[in-house]
Amino acid sequence: MTNKVFPKHEVLNEEEAKKILDAYKVSIDELPRISKQDPALKGLEVNIGDVIKIIRKSQTAGETVYYRAVIN
């Protein structure tokens, strides 16, 4: 979903999520959380426990990537 209000959000598949968690040596419970009802996730098929990749524009870095775990 392209939206001018929210940065790009995408749902990672199981394999991608595992790679991210392994790379950062964290569990899904240690990720910042995002509610399944968050307006930024509208139009995405998300389930509780999914990992969301958020790509934000940055004046200094070009783009920055954040990860969040979906909660109820």
PDB file of N, CA and C in Angstrom:
ATOM      1  N   MET A   1       0.845  -1.180   0.000  1.00  0.00           N
ATOM      2  CA  MET A   1       0.000   0.000   0.000  1.00  0.00           C
ATOM      3  C   MET A   1       0.890   1.242   0.000  1.00  0.00           C
ATOM      4  N   THR A   2       0.678   2.126  -0.949  1.00  0.00           N
ATOM      5  CA  THR A   2       1.407   3.386  -0.988  1.00  0.00           C
ATOM      6  C   THR A   2       0.562   4.426  -0.279  1.00  0.00           C
ATOM      7  N   ASN A   3       1.167   5.096   0.686  1.00  0.00           N
ATOM      8  CA  ASN A   3       0.435   6.053   1.491  1.00  0.00           C
ATOM      9  C   ASN A   3       1.383   7.189   1.838  1.00  0.00           C
ATOM     10  N   LYS A   4       0.922   8.421   1.644  1.00  0.00           N
ATOM     11  CA  LYS A   4       1.773   9.572   1.926  1.00  0.00           C
ATOM     12  C   LYS A   4       1.834   9.903   3.415  1.00  0.00           C
ATOM     13  N   VAL A   5       0.901   9.381   4.192  1.00  0.00           N
ATOM     14  CA  VAL A   5       0.864   9.665   5.624  1.00  0.00           C
ATOM     15  C   VAL A   5       1.794   8.729   6.390  1.00  0.00           C
ATOM     16  N   PHE A   6       1.839   7.459   6.007  1.00  0.00           N
ATOM     17  CA  PHE A   6       2.614   6.452   6.719  1.00  0.00           C
ATOM     18  C   PHE A   6       3.799   6.001   5.875  1.00  0.00           C
ATOM     19  N   PRO A   7       4.908   5.660   6.519  1.00  0.00           N
ATOM     20  CA  PRO A   7       6.015   5.058   5.768  1.00  0.00           C
ATOM     21  C   PRO A   7       5.588   3.676   5.252  1.00  0.00           C
ATOM     22  N   LYS A   8       6.381   3.111   4.357  1.00  0.00           N
ATOM     23  CA  LYS A   8       6.059   1.811   3.782  1.00  0.00           C
ATOM     24  C   LYS A   8       6.126   0.724   4.849  1.00  0.00           C
ATOM     25  N   HIS A   9       5.073  -0.088   4.931  1.00  0.00           N
ATOM     26  CA  HIS A   9       4.996  -1.221   5.851  1.00  0.00           C
ATOM     27  C   HIS A   9       4.825  -2.482   5.011  1.00  0.00           C
ATOM     28  N   GLU A  10       5.573  -3.521   5.340  1.00  0.00           N
ATOM     29  CA  GLU A  10       5.378  -4.798   4.655  1.00  0.00           C
ATOM     30  C   GLU A  10       5.510  -5.943   5.648  1.00  0.00           C
ATOM     31  N   VAL A  11       4.746  -6.996   5.398  1.00  0.00           N
ATOM     32  CA  VAL A  11       4.760  -8.176   6.254  1.00  0.00           C
ATOM     33  C   VAL A  11       5.866  -9.104   5.772  1.00  0.00           C
ATOM     34  N   LEU A  12       6.735  -9.525   6.687  1.00  0.00           N
ATOM     35  CA  LEU A  12       7.779 -10.471   6.330  1.00  0.00           C
ATOM     36  C   LEU A  12       7.233 -11.895   6.385  1.00  0.00           C
ATOM     37  N   ASN A  13       7.695 -12.737   5.478  1.00  0.00           N
ATOM     38  CA  ASN A  13       7.291 -14.138   5.570  1.00  0.00           C
ATOM     39  C   ASN A  13       8.089 -14.791   6.698  1.00  0.00           C
ATOM     40  N   GLU A  14       7.772 -16.025   7.014  1.00  0.00           N
ATOM     41  CA  GLU A  14       8.400 -16.709   8.159  1.00  0.00           C
ATOM     42  C   GLU A  14       9.918 -16.767   8.036  1.00  0.00           C
ATOM     43  N   GLU A  15      10.401 -17.075   6.852  1.00  0.00           N
ATOM     44  CA  GLU A  15      11.845 -17.201   6.627  1.00  0.00           C
ATOM     45  C   GLU A  15      12.553 -15.855   6.789  1.00  0.00           C
ATOM     46  N   GLU A  16      11.962 -14.800   6.230  1.00  0.00           N
ATOM     47  CA  GLU A  16      12.549 -13.457   6.360  1.00  0.00           C
ATOM     48  C   GLU A  16      12.569 -13.014   7.820  1.00  0.00           C
ATOM     49  N   ALA A  17      11.475 -13.271   8.529  1.00  0.00           N
ATOM     50  CA  ALA A  17      11.391 -12.888   9.944  1.00  0.00           C
ATOM     51  C   ALA A  17      12.453 -13.611  10.758  1.00  0.00           C
ATOM     52  N   LYS A  18      12.641 -14.916  10.500  1.00  0.00           N
ATOM     53  CA  LYS A  18      13.644 -15.683  11.226  1.00  0.00           C
ATOM     54  C   LYS A  18      15.044 -15.122  10.969  1.00  0.00           C
ATOM     55  N   LYS A  19      15.337 -14.764   9.733  1.00  0.00           N
ATOM     56  CA  LYS A  19      16.652 -14.202   9.403  1.00  0.00           C
ATOM     57  C   LYS A  19      16.903 -12.900  10.171  1.00  0.00           C
ATOM     58  N   ILE A  20      15.884 -12.050  10.259  1.00  0.00           N
ATOM     59  CA  ILE A  20      16.022 -10.775  10.966  1.00  0.00           C
ATOM     60  C   ILE A  20      16.233 -11.017  12.460  1.00  0.00           C
ATOM     61  N   LEU A  21      15.415 -11.889  13.041  1.00  0.00           N
ATOM     62  CA  LEU A  21      15.541 -12.180  14.471  1.00  0.00           C
ATOM     63  C   LEU A  21      16.902 -12.787  14.780  1.00  0.00           C
ATOM     64  N   ASP A  22      17.373 -13.682  13.919  1.00  0.00           N
ATOM     65  CA  ASP A  22      18.689 -14.291  14.108  1.00  0.00           C
ATOM     66  C   ASP A  22      19.802 -13.251  13.949  1.00  0.00           C
ATOM     67  N   ALA A  23      19.685 -12.395  12.952  1.00  0.00           N
ATOM     68  CA  ALA A  23      20.719 -11.388  12.692  1.00  0.00           C
ATOM     69  C   ALA A  23      20.883 -10.431  13.869  1.00  0.00           C
ATOM     70  N   TYR A  24      19.759 -10.060  14.478  1.00  0.00           N
ATOM     71  CA  TYR A  24      19.811  -9.124  15.607  1.00  0.00           C
ATOM     72  C   TYR A  24      19.879  -9.840  16.956  1.00  0.00           C
ATOM     73  N   LYS A  25      19.844 -11.163  16.916  1.00  0.00           N
ATOM     74  CA  LYS A  25      19.899 -11.983  18.137  1.00  0.00           C
ATOM     75  C   LYS A  25      18.841 -11.560  19.158  1.00  0.00           C
ATOM     76  N   VAL A  26      17.593 -11.464  18.668  1.00  0.00           N
ATOM     77  CA  VAL A  26      16.452 -11.118  19.522  1.00  0.00           C
ATOM     78  C   VAL A  26      15.319 -12.104  19.260  1.00  0.00           C
ATOM     79  N   SER A  27      14.394 -12.161  20.202  1.00  0.00           N
ATOM     80  CA  SER A  27      13.179 -12.945  19.995  1.00  0.00           C
ATOM     81  C   SER A  27      12.088 -11.977  19.539  1.00  0.00           C
ATOM     82  N   ILE A  28      11.025 -12.527  19.037  1.00  0.00           N
ATOM     83  CA  ILE A  28       9.930 -11.679  18.573  1.00  0.00           C
ATOM     84  C   ILE A  28       9.368 -10.847  19.728  1.00  0.00           C
ATOM     85  N   ASP A  29       9.441 -11.372  20.955  1.00  0.00           N
ATOM     86  CA  ASP A  29       8.940 -10.641  22.124  1.00  0.00           C
ATOM     87  C   ASP A  29       9.780  -9.412  22.452  1.00  0.00           C
ATOM     88  N   GLU A  30      11.000  -9.356  21.925  1.00  0.00           N
ATOM     89  CA  GLU A  30      11.885  -8.224  22.195  1.00  0.00           C
ATOM     90  C   GLU A  30      11.757  -7.100  21.156  1.00  0.00           C
ATOM     91  N   LEU A  31      11.013  -7.354  20.089  1.00  0.00           N
ATOM     92  CA  LEU A  31      10.799  -6.306  19.084  1.00  0.00           C
ATOM     93  C   LEU A  31       9.789  -5.286  19.599  1.00  0.00           C
ATOM     94  N   PRO A  32       9.889  -4.043  19.133  1.00  0.00           N
ATOM     95  CA  PRO A  32       8.821  -3.089  19.419  1.00  0.00           C
ATOM     96  C   PRO A  32       7.511  -3.650  18.860  1.00  0.00           C
ATOM     97  N   ARG A  33       6.412  -3.249  19.410  1.00  0.00           N
ATOM     98  CA  ARG A  33       5.111  -3.811  19.018  1.00  0.00           C
ATOM     99  C   ARG A  33       4.306  -2.832  18.167  1.00  0.00           C
ATOM    100  N   ILE A  34       3.409  -3.406  17.379  1.00  0.00           N
ATOM    101  CA  ILE A  34       2.456  -2.618  16.604  1.00  0.00           C
ATOM    102  C   ILE A  34       1.117  -3.348  16.663  1.00  0.00           C
ATOM    103  N   SER A  35       0.059  -2.607  16.916  1.00  0.00           N
ATOM    104  CA  SER A  35      -1.275  -3.201  17.028  1.00  0.00           C
ATOM    105  C   SER A  35      -1.781  -3.657  15.661  1.00  0.00           C
ATOM    106  N   LYS A  36      -2.462  -4.787  15.661  1.00  0.00           N
ATOM    107  CA  LYS A  36      -3.063  -5.305  14.429  1.00  0.00           C
ATOM    108  C   LYS A  36      -4.043  -4.292  13.841  1.00  0.00           C
ATOM    109  N   GLN A  37      -4.612  -3.438  14.695  1.00  0.00           N
ATOM    110  CA  GLN A  37      -5.572  -2.436  14.248  1.00  0.00           C
ATOM    111  C   GLN A  37      -4.923  -1.102  13.881  1.00  0.00           C
ATOM    112  N   ASP A  38      -3.604  -1.008  13.924  1.00  0.00           N
ATOM    113  CA  ASP A  38      -2.915   0.240  13.601  1.00  0.00           C
ATOM    114  C   ASP A  38      -3.289   0.684  12.188  1.00  0.00           C
ATOM    115  N   PRO A  39      -3.663   1.944  11.992  1.00  0.00           N
ATOM    116  CA  PRO A  39      -4.057   2.430  10.662  1.00  0.00           C
ATOM    117  C   PRO A  39      -2.979   2.235   9.596  1.00  0.00           C
ATOM    118  N   ALA A  40      -1.719   2.194   9.980  1.00  0.00           N
ATOM    119  CA  ALA A  40      -0.639   2.003   9.007  1.00  0.00           C
ATOM    120  C   ALA A  40      -0.683   0.606   8.382  1.00  0.00           C
ATOM    121  N   LEU A  41      -1.353  -0.344   9.042  1.00  0.00           N
ATOM    122  CA  LEU A  41      -1.427  -1.711   8.532  1.00  0.00           C
ATOM    123  C   LEU A  41      -2.674  -1.955   7.698  1.00  0.00           C
ATOM    124  N   LYS A  42      -3.506  -0.938   7.554  1.00  0.00           N
ATOM    125  CA  LYS A  42      -4.738  -1.082   6.772  1.00  0.00           C
ATOM    126  C   LYS A  42      -4.383  -1.521   5.346  1.00  0.00           C
ATOM    127  N   GLY A  43      -5.074  -2.536   4.881  1.00  0.00           N
ATOM    128  CA  GLY A  43      -4.832  -3.045   3.538  1.00  0.00           C
ATOM    129  C   GLY A  43      -3.820  -4.183   3.492  1.00  0.00           C
ATOM    130  N   LEU A  44      -3.146  -4.444   4.614  1.00  0.00           N
ATOM    131  CA  LEU A  44      -2.214  -5.569   4.687  1.00  0.00           C
ATOM    132  C   LEU A  44      -2.884  -6.724   5.412  1.00  0.00           C
ATOM    133  N   GLU A  45      -2.607  -7.924   4.983  1.00  0.00           N
ATOM    134  CA  GLU A  45      -3.112  -9.096   5.700  1.00  0.00           C
ATOM    135  C   GLU A  45      -2.095  -9.454   6.770  1.00  0.00           C
ATOM    136  N   VAL A  46      -2.398  -9.086   8.019  1.00  0.00           N
ATOM    137  CA  VAL A  46      -1.474  -9.345   9.122  1.00  0.00           C
ATOM    138  C   VAL A  46      -2.120 -10.240  10.161  1.00  0.00           C
ATOM    139  N   ASN A  47      -1.284 -11.006  10.817  1.00  0.00           N
ATOM    140  CA  ASN A  47      -1.722 -11.865  11.914  1.00  0.00           C
ATOM    141  C   ASN A  47      -0.884 -11.548  13.137  1.00  0.00           C
ATOM    142  N   ILE A  48      -1.436 -11.830  14.296  1.00  0.00           N
ATOM    143  CA  ILE A  48      -0.688 -11.643  15.532  1.00  0.00           C
ATOM    144  C   ILE A  48       0.569 -12.510  15.456  1.00  0.00           C
ATOM    145  N   GLY A  49       1.715 -11.926  15.785  1.00  0.00           N
ATOM    146  CA  GLY A  49       2.981 -12.637  15.727  1.00  0.00           C
ATOM    147  C   GLY A  49       3.769 -12.388  14.450  1.00  0.00           C
ATOM    148  N   ASP A  50       3.154 -11.723  13.463  1.00  0.00           N
ATOM    149  CA  ASP A  50       3.884 -11.378  12.242  1.00  0.00           C
ATOM    150  C   ASP A  50       4.934 -10.316  12.549  1.00  0.00           C
ATOM    151  N   VAL A  51       5.971 -10.274  11.724  1.00  0.00           N
ATOM    152  CA  VAL A  51       6.982  -9.227  11.822  1.00  0.00           C
ATOM    153  C   VAL A  51       6.758  -8.269  10.658  1.00  0.00           C
ATOM    154  N   ILE A  52       6.684  -6.981  10.987  1.00  0.00           N
ATOM    155  CA  ILE A  52       6.459  -5.931  10.005  1.00  0.00           C
ATOM    156  C   ILE A  52       7.760  -5.178   9.780  1.00  0.00           C
ATOM    157  N   LYS A  53       8.102  -4.982   8.520  1.00  0.00           N
ATOM    158  CA  LYS A  53       9.268  -4.181   8.147  1.00  0.00           C
ATOM    159  C   LYS A  53       8.753  -2.796   7.768  1.00  0.00           C
ATOM    160  N   ILE A  54       9.311  -1.773   8.404  1.00  0.00           N
ATOM    161  CA  ILE A  54       8.903  -0.394   8.148  1.00  0.00           C
ATOM    162  C   ILE A  54      10.094   0.342   7.547  1.00  0.00           C
ATOM    163  N   ILE A  55       9.880   0.931   6.380  1.00  0.00           N
ATOM    164  CA  ILE A  55      10.942   1.653   5.692  1.00  0.00           C
ATOM    165  C   ILE A  55      10.596   3.140   5.730  1.00  0.00           C
ATOM    166  N   ARG A  56      11.432   3.898   6.435  1.00  0.00           N
ATOM    167  CA  ARG A  56      11.200   5.333   6.600  1.00  0.00           C
ATOM    168  C   ARG A  56      12.255   6.118   5.837  1.00  0.00           C
ATOM    169  N   LYS A  57      11.858   7.252   5.310  1.00  0.00           N
ATOM    170  CA  LYS A  57      12.792   8.164   4.657  1.00  0.00           C
ATOM    171  C   LYS A  57      13.607   8.871   5.733  1.00  0.00           C
ATOM    172  N   SER A  58      14.889   9.070   5.458  1.00  0.00           N
ATOM    173  CA  SER A  58      15.780   9.742   6.392  1.00  0.00           C
ATOM    174  C   SER A  58      16.601  10.768   5.632  1.00  0.00           C
ATOM    175  N   GLN A  59      16.683  11.973   6.161  1.00  0.00           N
ATOM    176  CA  GLN A  59      17.466  13.022   5.505  1.00  0.00           C
ATOM    177  C   GLN A  59      18.949  12.697   5.515  1.00  0.00           C
ATOM    178  N   THR A  60      19.405  11.978   6.523  1.00  0.00           N
ATOM    179  CA  THR A  60      20.840  11.691   6.626  1.00  0.00           C
ATOM    180  C   THR A  60      21.226  10.338   6.043  1.00  0.00           C
ATOM    181  N   ALA A  61      20.363   9.338   6.176  1.00  0.00           N
ATOM    182  CA  ALA A  61      20.709   7.988   5.738  1.00  0.00           C
ATOM    183  C   ALA A  61      20.011   7.572   4.449  1.00  0.00           C
ATOM    184  N   GLY A  62      19.105   8.380   3.948  1.00  0.00           N
ATOM    185  CA  GLY A  62      18.318   8.001   2.773  1.00  0.00           C
ATOM    186  C   GLY A  62      17.082   7.237   3.195  1.00  0.00           C
ATOM    187  N   GLU A  63      17.295   6.035   3.724  1.00  0.00           N
ATOM    188  CA  GLU A  63      16.203   5.221   4.261  1.00  0.00           C
ATOM    189  C   GLU A  63      16.687   4.531   5.532  1.00  0.00           C
ATOM    190  N   THR A  64      15.762   4.344   6.445  1.00  0.00           N
ATOM    191  CA  THR A  64      16.046   3.561   7.643  1.00  0.00           C
ATOM    192  C   THR A  64      14.990   2.473   7.755  1.00  0.00           C
ATOM    193  N   VAL A  65      15.377   1.328   8.292  1.00  0.00           N
ATOM    194  CA  VAL A  65      14.471   0.188   8.392  1.00  0.00           C
ATOM    195  C   VAL A  65      14.244  -0.139   9.863  1.00  0.00           C
ATOM    196  N   TYR A  66      12.996  -0.356  10.197  1.00  0.00           N
ATOM    197  CA  TYR A  66      12.590  -0.740  11.547  1.00  0.00           C
ATOM    198  C   TYR A  66      11.771  -1.992  11.454  1.00  0.00           C
ATOM    199  N   TYR A  67      11.736  -2.771  12.523  1.00  0.00           N
ATOM    200  CA  TYR A  67      10.932  -3.991  12.570  1.00  0.00           C
ATOM    201  C   TYR A  67      10.049  -3.947  13.801  1.00  0.00           C
ATOM    202  N   ARG A  68       8.814  -4.418  13.633  1.00  0.00           N
ATOM    203  CA  ARG A  68       7.875  -4.468  14.748  1.00  0.00           C
ATOM    204  C   ARG A  68       7.114  -5.779  14.713  1.00  0.00           C
ATOM    205  N   ALA A  69       6.686  -6.232  15.887  1.00  0.00           N
ATOM    206  CA  ALA A  69       5.885  -7.441  16.015  1.00  0.00           C
ATOM    207  C   ALA A  69       4.419  -7.062  16.153  1.00  0.00           C
ATOM    208  N   VAL A  70       3.551  -7.771  15.441  1.00  0.00           N
ATOM    209  CA  VAL A  70       2.116  -7.486  15.485  1.00  0.00           C
ATOM    210  C   VAL A  70       1.514  -8.115  16.738  1.00  0.00           C
ATOM    211  N   ILE A  71       0.758  -7.286  17.478  1.00  0.00           N
ATOM    212  CA  ILE A  71       0.030  -7.753  18.653  1.00  0.00           C
ATOM    213  C   ILE A  71      -1.448  -7.458  18.442  1.00  0.00           C
ATOM    214  N   ASN A  72      -2.284  -7.989  19.322  1.00  0.00           N
ATOM    215  CA  ASN A  72      -3.731  -7.779  19.216  1.00  0.00           C
ATOM    216  C   ASN A  72      -4.117  -6.370  19.550  1.00  0.00           C
TER     217      ASN A  72
END
